[in-house]
Each structure stands twice: as structure tokens, then as C-alpha cells.
């Protein structure tokens, strides 16, 4: 389990994002590993879909401006998803290290 307490996010977070964050933290604490597994599987599927969408965008030549905008968007989305995967892996390593310490 995550040893950090649930605290309020920085002041710049408001409304829907704040409550989504709280719900996510609650679900992580309540469901633990199964919840994280579902999120990881979903993230991998989303990364795979982003790769496919990026490849389709590159090969589409109907409108060059739309193609460029789509490629830029899909690339940014893919970078963000890969960063999320990295964060999830780091969190997993931290959790394992905490379990091993007496």
C-alpha cells in the first residue's frame, strides 16, 4: 500500500480534477494491486492504440495540415502515456522496497 496520506492537492487543482484525484487515491488504497493492474493494462492498451493512430496519421495524406496536427497530438499523447508508465514502474519499485525493509 501507498504509505503517503491522502492530502489536498496544490491549490491550482480544482473541481473535477481534484475529485478525480481523490477518487483515484481512494481506489488505490481500497483495491490496491488489482486496481493498479487494471490501470497498467489499460495504459498499455492505450499506448498501443496511440502507436497505431500515430502510424495511421503519418500515412494519411488527405490534408497535410490535419495530418501534421494529428501527428503532433498523437506524439504528445504517447510521450505522456510513456511517462505515466515510467511513474507507475517507479512507484512499484518503491512499494517493493518498502515491503522489504524491516
PDB file of N, CA and C in Angstrom:
ATOM      1  N   UNK A   1       0.824  -1.184   0.000  1.00  0.00           N
ATOM      2  CA  UNK A   1       0.000   0.000   0.000  1.00  0.00           C
ATOM      3  C   UNK A   1       0.869   1.249   0.000  1.00  0.00           C
ATOM      4  N   UNK A   2       0.289   2.321  -0.449  1.00  0.00           N
ATOM      5  CA  UNK A   2       0.974   3.602  -0.507  1.00  0.00           C
ATOM      6  C   UNK A   2       1.058   4.184   0.899  1.00  0.00           C
ATOM      7  N   UNK A   3       2.274   4.463   1.411  1.00  0.00           N
ATOM      8  CA  UNK A   3       2.399   4.935   2.778  1.00  0.00           C
ATOM      9  C   UNK A   3       2.042   6.409   2.947  1.00  0.00           C
ATOM     10  N   UNK A   4       1.892   7.157   1.871  1.00  0.00           N
ATOM     11  CA  UNK A   4       1.619   8.577   1.976  1.00  0.00           C
ATOM     12  C   UNK A   4       0.144   8.806   2.273  1.00  0.00           C
ATOM     13  N   UNK A   5      -0.147   9.743   3.181  1.00  0.00           N
ATOM     14  CA  UNK A   5      -1.555  10.028   3.480  1.00  0.00           C
ATOM     15  C   UNK A   5      -2.204  10.789   2.333  1.00  0.00           C
ATOM     16  N   UNK A   6      -3.520  10.696   2.267  1.00  0.00           N
ATOM     17  CA  UNK A   6      -4.251  11.471   1.269  1.00  0.00           C
ATOM     18  C   UNK A   6      -4.325  12.899   1.768  1.00  0.00           C
ATOM     19  N   UNK A   7      -3.739  13.791   1.014  1.00  0.00           N
ATOM     20  CA  UNK A   7      -3.765  15.206   1.364  1.00  0.00           C
ATOM     21  C   UNK A   7      -4.309  15.986   0.188  1.00  0.00           C
ATOM     22  N   UNK A   8      -4.660  17.207   0.437  1.00  0.00           N
ATOM     23  CA  UNK A   8      -5.200  18.052  -0.626  1.00  0.00           C
ATOM     24  C   UNK A   8      -4.118  18.331  -1.660  1.00  0.00           C
ATOM     25  N   UNK A   9      -4.495  18.364  -2.933  1.00  0.00           N
ATOM     26  CA  UNK A   9      -3.528  18.678  -3.984  1.00  0.00           C
ATOM     27  C   UNK A   9      -3.176  20.160  -3.954  1.00  0.00           C
ATOM     28  N   UNK A  10      -2.198  20.581  -4.752  1.00  0.00           N
ATOM     29  CA  UNK A  10      -1.854  22.000  -4.794  1.00  0.00           C
ATOM     30  C   UNK A  10      -3.084  22.845  -5.125  1.00  0.00           C
ATOM     31  N   UNK A  11      -3.052  24.099  -4.720  1.00  0.00           N
ATOM     32  CA  UNK A  11      -4.202  24.990  -4.866  1.00  0.00           C
ATOM     33  C   UNK A  11      -4.659  25.164  -6.311  1.00  0.00           C
ATOM     34  N   UNK A  12      -3.781  24.938  -7.267  1.00  0.00           N
ATOM     35  CA  UNK A  12      -4.151  25.154  -8.664  1.00  0.00           C
ATOM     36  C   UNK A  12      -5.113  24.073  -9.190  1.00  0.00           C
ATOM     37  N   UNK A  13      -5.242  22.976  -8.479  1.00  0.00           N
ATOM     38  CA  UNK A  13      -6.156  21.918  -8.899  1.00  0.00           C
ATOM     39  C   UNK A  13      -7.540  22.210  -8.347  1.00  0.00           C
ATOM     40  N   UNK A  14      -8.542  22.136  -9.214  1.00  0.00           N
ATOM     41  CA  UNK A  14      -9.899  22.470  -8.786  1.00  0.00           C
ATOM     42  C   UNK A  14     -10.899  21.497  -9.373  1.00  0.00           C
ATOM     43  N   UNK A  15     -12.077  21.546  -8.802  1.00  0.00           N
ATOM     44  CA  UNK A  15     -13.237  20.870  -9.352  1.00  0.00           C
ATOM     45  C   UNK A  15     -13.069  19.411  -9.689  1.00  0.00           C
ATOM     46  N   UNK A  16     -13.374  19.104 -10.929  1.00  0.00           N
ATOM     47  CA  UNK A  16     -13.399  17.729 -11.401  1.00  0.00           C
ATOM     48  C   UNK A  16     -12.044  17.034 -11.222  1.00  0.00           C
ATOM     49  N   UNK A  17     -10.952  17.727 -11.516  1.00  0.00           N
ATOM     50  CA  UNK A  17      -9.633  17.097 -11.390  1.00  0.00           C
ATOM     51  C   UNK A  17      -9.318  16.753  -9.938  1.00  0.00           C
ATOM     52  N   UNK A  18      -9.726  17.624  -9.016  1.00  0.00           N
ATOM     53  CA  UNK A  18      -9.494  17.354  -7.606  1.00  0.00           C
ATOM     54  C   UNK A  18     -10.242  16.108  -7.164  1.00  0.00           C
ATOM     55  N   UNK A  19     -11.517  16.004  -7.524  1.00  0.00           N
ATOM     56  CA  UNK A  19     -12.303  14.854  -7.088  1.00  0.00           C
ATOM     57  C   UNK A  19     -11.876  13.578  -7.799  1.00  0.00           C
ATOM     58  N   UNK A  20     -11.421  13.689  -9.040  1.00  0.00           N
ATOM     59  CA  UNK A  20     -10.881  12.514  -9.735  1.00  0.00           C
ATOM     60  C   UNK A  20      -9.621  12.031  -9.023  1.00  0.00           C
ATOM     61  N   UNK A  21      -8.793  12.965  -8.604  1.00  0.00           N
ATOM     62  CA  UNK A  21      -7.567  12.624  -7.874  1.00  0.00           C
ATOM     63  C   UNK A  21      -7.913  11.936  -6.557  1.00  0.00           C
ATOM     64  N   UNK A  22      -8.887  12.478  -5.817  1.00  0.00           N
ATOM     65  CA  UNK A  22      -9.287  11.880  -4.543  1.00  0.00           C
ATOM     66  C   UNK A  22      -9.845  10.476  -4.742  1.00  0.00           C
ATOM     67  N   UNK A  23     -10.698  10.324  -5.767  1.00  0.00           N
ATOM     68  CA  UNK A  23     -11.272   9.015  -6.053  1.00  0.00           C
ATOM     69  C   UNK A  23     -10.187   8.013  -6.434  1.00  0.00           C
ATOM     70  N   UNK A  24      -9.234   8.440  -7.254  1.00  0.00           N
ATOM     71  CA  UNK A  24      -8.132   7.562  -7.640  1.00  0.00           C
ATOM     72  C   UNK A  24      -7.329   7.129  -6.417  1.00  0.00           C
ATOM     73  N   UNK A  25      -7.009   8.058  -5.532  1.00  0.00           N
ATOM     74  CA  UNK A  25      -6.258   7.716  -4.311  1.00  0.00           C
ATOM     75  C   UNK A  25      -7.055   6.742  -3.441  1.00  0.00           C
ATOM     76  N   UNK A  26      -8.363   6.989  -3.307  1.00  0.00           N
ATOM     77  CA  UNK A  26      -9.197   6.096  -2.508  1.00  0.00           C
ATOM     78  C   UNK A  26      -9.213   4.698  -3.109  1.00  0.00           C
ATOM     79  N   UNK A  27      -9.380   4.622  -4.437  1.00  0.00           N
ATOM     80  CA  UNK A  27      -9.417   3.315  -5.095  1.00  0.00           C
ATOM     81  C   UNK A  27      -8.080   2.593  -4.961  1.00  0.00           C
ATOM     82  N   UNK A  28      -6.979   3.332  -5.033  1.00  0.00           N
ATOM     83  CA  UNK A  28      -5.674   2.695  -4.848  1.00  0.00           C
ATOM     84  C   UNK A  28      -5.560   2.104  -3.455  1.00  0.00           C
ATOM     85  N   UNK A  29      -6.025   2.832  -2.462  1.00  0.00           N
ATOM     86  CA  UNK A  29      -5.966   2.312  -1.088  1.00  0.00           C
ATOM     87  C   UNK A  29      -6.963   1.179  -0.859  1.00  0.00           C
ATOM     88  N   UNK A  30      -8.135   1.313  -1.408  1.00  0.00           N
ATOM     89  CA  UNK A  30      -9.195   0.326  -1.162  1.00  0.00           C
ATOM     90  C   UNK A  30      -8.951  -0.984  -1.898  1.00  0.00           C
ATOM     91  N   UNK A  31      -8.548  -0.901  -3.175  1.00  0.00           N
ATOM     92  CA  UNK A  31      -8.417  -2.093  -4.007  1.00  0.00           C
ATOM     93  C   UNK A  31      -6.980  -2.519  -4.245  1.00  0.00           C
ATOM     94  N   UNK A  32      -6.026  -1.622  -4.015  1.00  0.00           N
ATOM     95  CA  UNK A  32      -4.608  -1.967  -4.080  1.00  0.00           C
ATOM     96  C   UNK A  32      -4.137  -2.517  -5.411  1.00  0.00           C
ATOM     97  N   UNK A  33      -3.483  -3.667  -5.356  1.00  0.00           N
ATOM     98  CA  UNK A  33      -2.850  -4.264  -6.529  1.00  0.00           C
ATOM     99  C   UNK A  33      -3.817  -4.540  -7.682  1.00  0.00           C
ATOM    100  N   UNK A  34      -4.994  -5.103  -7.451  1.00  0.00           N
ATOM    101  CA  UNK A  34      -5.894  -5.327  -8.599  1.00  0.00           C
ATOM    102  C   UNK A  34      -6.214  -4.029  -9.352  1.00  0.00           C
ATOM    103  N   UNK A  35      -6.413  -2.943  -8.616  1.00  0.00           N
ATOM    104  CA  UNK A  35      -6.693  -1.654  -9.258  1.00  0.00           C
ATOM    105  C   UNK A  35      -5.495  -1.199 -10.093  1.00  0.00           C
ATOM    106  N   UNK A  36      -4.300  -1.322  -9.527  1.00  0.00           N
ATOM    107  CA  UNK A  36      -3.096  -0.924 -10.260  1.00  0.00           C
ATOM    108  C   UNK A  36      -2.879  -1.802 -11.491  1.00  0.00           C
ATOM    109  N   UNK A  37      -3.217  -3.079 -11.402  1.00  0.00           N
ATOM    110  CA  UNK A  37      -3.085  -3.973 -12.561  1.00  0.00           C
ATOM    111  C   UNK A  37      -4.041  -3.537 -13.675  1.00  0.00           C
ATOM    112  N   UNK A  38      -5.275  -3.239 -13.316  1.00  0.00           N
ATOM    113  CA  UNK A  38      -6.248  -2.785 -14.314  1.00  0.00           C
ATOM    114  C   UNK A  38      -5.755  -1.498 -14.975  1.00  0.00           C
ATOM    115  N   UNK A  39      -5.249  -0.565 -14.179  1.00  0.00           N
ATOM    116  CA  UNK A  39      -4.728   0.685 -14.742  1.00  0.00           C
ATOM    117  C   UNK A  39      -3.542   0.432 -15.666  1.00  0.00           C
ATOM    118  N   UNK A  40      -2.656  -0.457 -15.280  1.00  0.00           N
ATOM    119  CA  UNK A  40      -1.485  -0.751 -16.106  1.00  0.00           C
ATOM    120  C   UNK A  40      -1.877  -1.399 -17.426  1.00  0.00           C
ATOM    121  N   UNK A  41      -2.802  -2.334 -17.366  1.00  0.00           N
ATOM    122  CA  UNK A  41      -3.276  -2.980 -18.597  1.00  0.00           C
ATOM    123  C   UNK A  41      -3.933  -1.947 -19.507  1.00  0.00           C
ATOM    124  N   UNK A  42      -4.757  -1.087 -18.931  1.00  0.00           N
ATOM    125  CA  UNK A  42      -5.391  -0.028 -19.708  1.00  0.00           C
ATOM    126  C   UNK A  42      -4.384   0.928 -20.314  1.00  0.00           C
ATOM    127  N   UNK A  43      -3.342   1.256 -19.562  1.00  0.00           N
ATOM    128  CA  UNK A  43      -2.310   2.151 -20.070  1.00  0.00           C
ATOM    129  C   UNK A  43      -1.554   1.512 -21.229  1.00  0.00           C
ATOM    130  N   UNK A  44      -1.223   0.236 -21.110  1.00  0.00           N
ATOM    131  CA  UNK A  44      -0.536  -0.467 -22.203  1.00  0.00           C
ATOM    132  C   UNK A  44      -1.426  -0.509 -23.440  1.00  0.00           C
ATOM    133  N   UNK A  45      -2.707  -0.790 -23.254  1.00  0.00           N
ATOM    134  CA  UNK A  45      -3.631  -0.809 -24.398  1.00  0.00           C
ATOM    135  C   UNK A  45      -3.741   0.571 -25.034  1.00  0.00           C
ATOM    136  N   UNK A  46      -3.767   1.596 -24.208  1.00  0.00           N
ATOM    137  CA  UNK A  46      -3.851   2.965 -24.719  1.00  0.00           C
ATOM    138  C   UNK A  46      -2.580   3.354 -25.475  1.00  0.00           C
ATOM    139  N   UNK A  47      -1.430   2.941 -24.962  1.00  0.00           N
ATOM    140  CA  UNK A  47      -0.164   3.212 -25.660  1.00  0.00           C
ATOM    141  C   UNK A  47      -0.161   2.514 -27.010  1.00  0.00           C
ATOM    142  N   UNK A  48      -0.617   1.274 -27.043  1.00  0.00           N
ATOM    143  CA  UNK A  48      -0.690   0.534 -28.293  1.00  0.00           C
ATOM    144  C   UNK A  48      -1.611   1.231 -29.291  1.00  0.00           C
ATOM    145  N   UNK A  49      -2.761   1.694 -28.809  1.00  0.00           N
ATOM    146  CA  UNK A  49      -3.694   2.411 -29.686  1.00  0.00           C
ATOM    147  C   UNK A  49      -3.081   3.720 -30.188  1.00  0.00           C
ATOM    148  N   UNK A  50      -2.319   4.390 -29.324  1.00  0.00           N
ATOM    149  CA  UNK A  50      -1.667   5.634 -29.748  1.00  0.00           C
ATOM    150  C   UNK A  50      -0.626   5.376 -30.828  1.00  0.00           C
ATOM    151  N   UNK A  51       0.118   4.294 -30.689  1.00  0.00           N
ATOM    152  CA  UNK A  51       1.087   3.929 -31.729  1.00  0.00           C
ATOM    153  C   UNK A  51       0.382   3.717 -33.068  1.00  0.00           C
ATOM    154  N   UNK A  52      -0.732   2.973 -33.016  1.00  0.00           N
ATOM    155  CA  UNK A  52      -1.481   2.707 -34.248  1.00  0.00           C
ATOM    156  C   UNK A  52      -2.045   3.994 -34.851  1.00  0.00           C
ATOM    157  N   UNK A  53      -2.599   4.857 -34.004  1.00  0.00           N
ATOM    158  CA  UNK A  53      -3.154   6.120 -34.502  1.00  0.00           C
ATOM    159  C   UNK A  53      -2.056   6.995 -35.088  1.00  0.00           C
ATOM    160  N   UNK A  54      -0.880   6.982 -34.463  1.00  0.00           N
ATOM    161  CA  UNK A  54       0.247   7.764 -34.972  1.00  0.00           C
ATOM    162  C   UNK A  54       0.675   7.239 -36.339  1.00  0.00           C
ATOM    163  N   UNK A  55       0.765   5.926 -36.469  1.00  0.00           N
ATOM    164  CA  UNK A  55       1.152   5.331 -37.750  1.00  0.00           C
ATOM    165  C   UNK A  55       0.128   5.658 -38.836  1.00  0.00           C
ATOM    166  N   UNK A  56      -1.157   5.577 -38.499  1.00  0.00           N
ATOM    167  CA  UNK A  56      -2.201   5.913 -39.472  1.00  0.00           C
ATOM    168  C   UNK A  56      -2.133   7.386 -39.861  1.00  0.00           C
ATOM    169  N   UNK A  57      -1.861   8.246 -38.884  1.00  0.00           N
ATOM    170  CA  UNK A  57      -1.777   9.681 -39.157  1.00  0.00           C
ATOM    171  C   UNK A  57      -0.627  10.004 -40.096  1.00  0.00           C
ATOM    172  N   UNK A  58       0.489   9.347 -39.899  1.00  0.00           N
ATOM    173  CA  UNK A  58       1.666   9.588 -40.741  1.00  0.00           C
ATOM    174  C   UNK A  58       1.386   9.168 -42.174  1.00  0.00           C
ATOM    175  N   UNK A  59       0.651   8.082 -42.346  1.00  0.00           N
ATOM    176  CA  UNK A  59       0.397   7.559 -43.696  1.00  0.00           C
ATOM    177  C   UNK A  59      -0.791   8.223 -44.384  1.00  0.00           C
ATOM    178  N   UNK A  60      -1.544   9.005 -43.641  1.00  0.00           N
ATOM    179  CA  UNK A  60      -2.688   9.698 -44.225  1.00  0.00           C
ATOM    180  C   UNK A  60      -2.197  10.958 -44.939  1.00  0.00           C
ATOM    181  N   UNK A  61      -2.579  11.121 -46.184  1.00  0.00           N
ATOM    182  CA  UNK A  61      -2.122  12.288 -46.944  1.00  0.00           C
ATOM    183  C   UNK A  61      -3.291  13.099 -47.478  1.00  0.00           C
ATOM    184  N   UNK A  62      -4.473  12.950 -46.886  1.00  0.00           N
ATOM    185  CA  UNK A  62      -5.636  13.667 -47.401  1.00  0.00           C
ATOM    186  C   UNK A  62      -5.512  15.175 -47.186  1.00  0.00           C
ATOM    187  N   UNK A  63      -5.108  15.604 -46.016  1.00  0.00           N
ATOM    188  CA  UNK A  63      -4.952  17.021 -45.721  1.00  0.00           C
ATOM    189  C   UNK A  63      -3.696  17.170 -44.883  1.00  0.00           C
ATOM    190  N   UNK A  64      -2.670  17.793 -45.423  1.00  0.00           N
ATOM    191  CA  UNK A  64      -1.369  17.859 -44.756  1.00  0.00           C
ATOM    192  C   UNK A  64      -1.436  18.593 -43.417  1.00  0.00           C
ATOM    193  N   UNK A  65      -2.240  19.647 -43.316  1.00  0.00           N
ATOM    194  CA  UNK A  65      -2.350  20.391 -42.055  1.00  0.00           C
ATOM    195  C   UNK A  65      -2.979  19.513 -40.970  1.00  0.00           C
ATOM    196  N   UNK A  66      -4.026  18.790 -41.329  1.00  0.00           N
ATOM    197  CA  UNK A  66      -4.671  17.892 -40.365  1.00  0.00           C
ATOM    198  C   UNK A  66      -3.713  16.770 -39.985  1.00  0.00           C
ATOM    199  N   UNK A  67      -2.983  16.260 -40.957  1.00  0.00           N
ATOM    200  CA  UNK A  67      -2.019  15.192 -40.690  1.00  0.00           C
ATOM    201  C   UNK A  67      -0.946  15.667 -39.714  1.00  0.00           C
ATOM    202  N   UNK A  68      -0.391  16.848 -39.930  1.00  0.00           N
ATOM    203  CA  UNK A  68       0.651  17.384 -39.046  1.00  0.00           C
ATOM    204  C   UNK A  68       0.106  17.602 -37.639  1.00  0.00           C
ATOM    205  N   UNK A  69      -1.075  18.201 -37.535  1.00  0.00           N
ATOM    206  CA  UNK A  69      -1.681  18.439 -36.222  1.00  0.00           C
ATOM    207  C   UNK A  69      -1.952  17.117 -35.497  1.00  0.00           C
ATOM    208  N   UNK A  70      -2.445  16.139 -36.221  1.00  0.00           N
ATOM    209  CA  UNK A  70      -2.742  14.833 -35.620  1.00  0.00           C
ATOM    210  C   UNK A  70      -1.469  14.145 -35.161  1.00  0.00           C
ATOM    211  N   UNK A  71      -0.431  14.206 -35.978  1.00  0.00           N
ATOM    212  CA  UNK A  71       0.849  13.589 -35.607  1.00  0.00           C
ATOM    213  C   UNK A  71       1.406  14.265 -34.357  1.00  0.00           C
ATOM    214  N   UNK A  72       1.351  15.582 -34.292  1.00  0.00           N
ATOM    215  CA  UNK A  72       1.848  16.291 -33.110  1.00  0.00           C
ATOM    216  C   UNK A  72       1.049  15.908 -31.865  1.00  0.00           C
ATOM    217  N   UNK A  73      -0.271  15.864 -32.008  1.00  0.00           N
ATOM    218  CA  UNK A  73      -1.116  15.499 -30.876  1.00  0.00           C
ATOM    219  C   UNK A  73      -0.845  14.071 -30.425  1.00  0.00           C
ATOM    220  N   UNK A  74      -0.812  13.145 -31.351  1.00  0.00           N
ATOM    221  CA  UNK A  74      -0.590  11.732 -31.006  1.00  0.00           C
ATOM    222  C   UNK A  74       0.796  11.529 -30.395  1.00  0.00           C
ATOM    223  N   UNK A  75       1.784  12.264 -30.889  1.00  0.00           N
ATOM    224  CA  UNK A  75       3.132  12.158 -30.323  1.00  0.00           C
ATOM    225  C   UNK A  75       3.155  12.662 -28.886  1.00  0.00           C
ATOM    226  N   UNK A  76       2.513  13.805 -28.632  1.00  0.00           N
ATOM    227  CA  UNK A  76       2.453  14.339 -27.270  1.00  0.00           C
ATOM    228  C   UNK A  76       1.712  13.379 -26.343  1.00  0.00           C
ATOM    229  N   UNK A  77       0.608  12.817 -26.829  1.00  0.00           N
ATOM    230  CA  UNK A  77      -0.155  11.863 -26.031  1.00  0.00           C
ATOM    231  C   UNK A  77       0.678  10.618 -25.718  1.00  0.00           C
ATOM    232  N   UNK A  78       1.401  10.134 -26.689  1.00  0.00           N
ATOM    233  CA  UNK A  78       2.240   8.961 -26.492  1.00  0.00           C
ATOM    234  C   UNK A  78       3.348   9.242 -25.479  1.00  0.00           C
ATOM    235  N   UNK A  79       3.975  10.405 -25.575  1.00  0.00           N
ATOM    236  CA  UNK A  79       5.014  10.782 -24.607  1.00  0.00           C
ATOM    237  C   UNK A  79       4.428  10.807 -23.200  1.00  0.00           C
ATOM    238  N   UNK A  80       3.240  11.399 -23.058  1.00  0.00           N
ATOM    239  CA  UNK A  80       2.589  11.458 -21.755  1.00  0.00           C
ATOM    240  C   UNK A  80       2.284  10.061 -21.217  1.00  0.00           C
ATOM    241  N   UNK A  81       1.808   9.180 -22.067  1.00  0.00           N
ATOM    242  CA  UNK A  81       1.475   7.825 -21.632  1.00  0.00           C
ATOM    243  C   UNK A  81       2.724   7.051 -21.226  1.00  0.00           C
ATOM    244  N   UNK A  82       3.793   7.219 -21.970  1.00  0.00           N
ATOM    245  CA  UNK A  82       5.044   6.545 -21.606  1.00  0.00           C
ATOM    246  C   UNK A  82       5.580   7.084 -20.281  1.00  0.00           C
ATOM    247  N   UNK A  83       5.416   8.385 -20.046  1.00  0.00           N
ATOM    248  CA  UNK A  83       5.831   8.966 -18.764  1.00  0.00           C
ATOM    249  C   UNK A  83       4.990   8.388 -17.624  1.00  0.00           C
ATOM    250  N   UNK A  84       3.690   8.197 -17.855  1.00  0.00           N
ATOM    251  CA  UNK A  84       2.839   7.576 -16.839  1.00  0.00           C
ATOM    252  C   UNK A  84       3.308   6.159 -16.532  1.00  0.00           C
ATOM    253  N   UNK A  85       3.670   5.425 -17.569  1.00  0.00           N
ATOM    254  CA  UNK A  85       4.166   4.061 -17.372  1.00  0.00           C
ATOM    255  C   UNK A  85       5.439   4.076 -16.526  1.00  0.00           C
ATOM    256  N   UNK A  86       6.323   5.027 -16.813  1.00  0.00           N
ATOM    257  CA  UNK A  86       7.558   5.164 -16.042  1.00  0.00           C
ATOM    258  C   UNK A  86       7.232   5.450 -14.569  1.00  0.00           C
ATOM    259  N   UNK A  87       6.294   6.363 -14.323  1.00  0.00           N
ATOM    260  CA  UNK A  87       5.914   6.694 -12.953  1.00  0.00           C
ATOM    261  C   UNK A  87       5.326   5.481 -12.236  1.00  0.00           C
ATOM    262  N   UNK A  88       4.522   4.699 -12.938  1.00  0.00           N
ATOM    263  CA  UNK A  88       3.927   3.510 -12.326  1.00  0.00           C
ATOM    264  C   UNK A  88       5.014   2.497 -11.956  1.00  0.00           C
ATOM    265  N   UNK A  89       5.991   2.343 -12.835  1.00  0.00           N
ATOM    266  CA  UNK A  89       7.083   1.406 -12.533  1.00  0.00           C
ATOM    267  C   UNK A  89       7.891   1.873 -11.330  1.00  0.00           C
ATOM    268  N   UNK A  90       8.201   3.168 -11.269  1.00  0.00           N
ATOM    269  CA  UNK A  90       8.951   3.700 -10.124  1.00  0.00           C
ATOM    270  C   UNK A  90       8.178   3.506  -8.831  1.00  0.00           C
ATOM    271  N   UNK A  91       6.868   3.731  -8.877  1.00  0.00           N
ATOM    272  CA  UNK A  91       6.034   3.546  -7.690  1.00  0.00           C
ATOM    273  C   UNK A  91       6.045   2.085  -7.257  1.00  0.00           C
ATOM    274  N   UNK A  92       6.007   1.171  -8.224  1.00  0.00           N
ATOM    275  CA  UNK A  92       6.035  -0.252  -7.902  1.00  0.00           C
ATOM    276  C   UNK A  92       7.354  -0.625  -7.231  1.00  0.00           C
ATOM    277  N   UNK A  93       8.461  -0.102  -7.746  1.00  0.00           N
ATOM    278  CA  UNK A  93       9.772  -0.377  -7.144  1.00  0.00           C
ATOM    279  C   UNK A  93       9.816   0.161  -5.716  1.00  0.00           C
ATOM    280  N   UNK A  94       9.278   1.367  -5.495  1.00  0.00           N
ATOM    281  CA  UNK A  94       9.257   1.936  -4.142  1.00  0.00           C
ATOM    282  C   UNK A  94       8.423   1.077  -3.195  1.00  0.00           C
ATOM    283  N   UNK A  95       7.254   0.619  -3.668  1.00  0.00           N
ATOM    284  CA  UNK A  95       6.413  -0.218  -2.812  1.00  0.00           C
ATOM    285  C   UNK A  95       7.126  -1.516  -2.441  1.00  0.00           C
ATOM    286  N   UNK A  96       7.805  -2.121  -3.410  1.00  0.00           N
ATOM    287  CA  UNK A  96       8.531  -3.366  -3.116  1.00  0.00           C
ATOM    288  C   UNK A  96       9.656  -3.119  -2.129  1.00  0.00           C
ATOM    289  N   UNK A  97      10.350  -2.001  -2.282  1.00  0.00           N
ATOM    290  CA  UNK A  97      11.446  -1.688  -1.360  1.00  0.00           C
ATOM    291  C   UNK A  97      10.916  -1.457   0.047  1.00  0.00           C
ATOM    292  N   UNK A  98       9.763  -0.808   0.172  1.00  0.00           N
ATOM    293  CA  UNK A  98       9.169  -0.577   1.495  1.00  0.00           C
ATOM    294  C   UNK A  98       8.740  -1.873   2.157  1.00  0.00           C
ATOM    295  N   UNK A  99       8.269  -2.832   1.378  1.00  0.00           N
ATOM    296  CA  UNK A  99       7.865  -4.121   1.942  1.00  0.00           C
ATOM    297  C   UNK A  99       9.080  -4.906   2.447  1.00  0.00           C
ATOM    298  N   UNK A 100      10.217  -4.721   1.793  1.00  0.00           N
ATOM    299  CA  UNK A 100      11.409  -5.477   2.161  1.00  0.00           C
ATOM    300  C   UNK A 100      12.105  -4.921   3.408  1.00  0.00           C
ATOM    301  N   UNK A 101      11.918  -3.636   3.689  1.00  0.00           N
ATOM    302  CA  UNK A 101      12.587  -3.056   4.856  1.00  0.00           C
ATOM    303  C   UNK A 101      11.864  -3.465   6.119  1.00  0.00           C
ATOM    304  N   UNK A 102      12.628  -3.849   7.149  1.00  0.00           N
ATOM    305  CA  UNK A 102      12.011  -4.311   8.400  1.00  0.00           C
ATOM    306  C   UNK A 102      11.375  -3.213   9.185  1.00  0.00           C
TER     307      UNK A 102
END
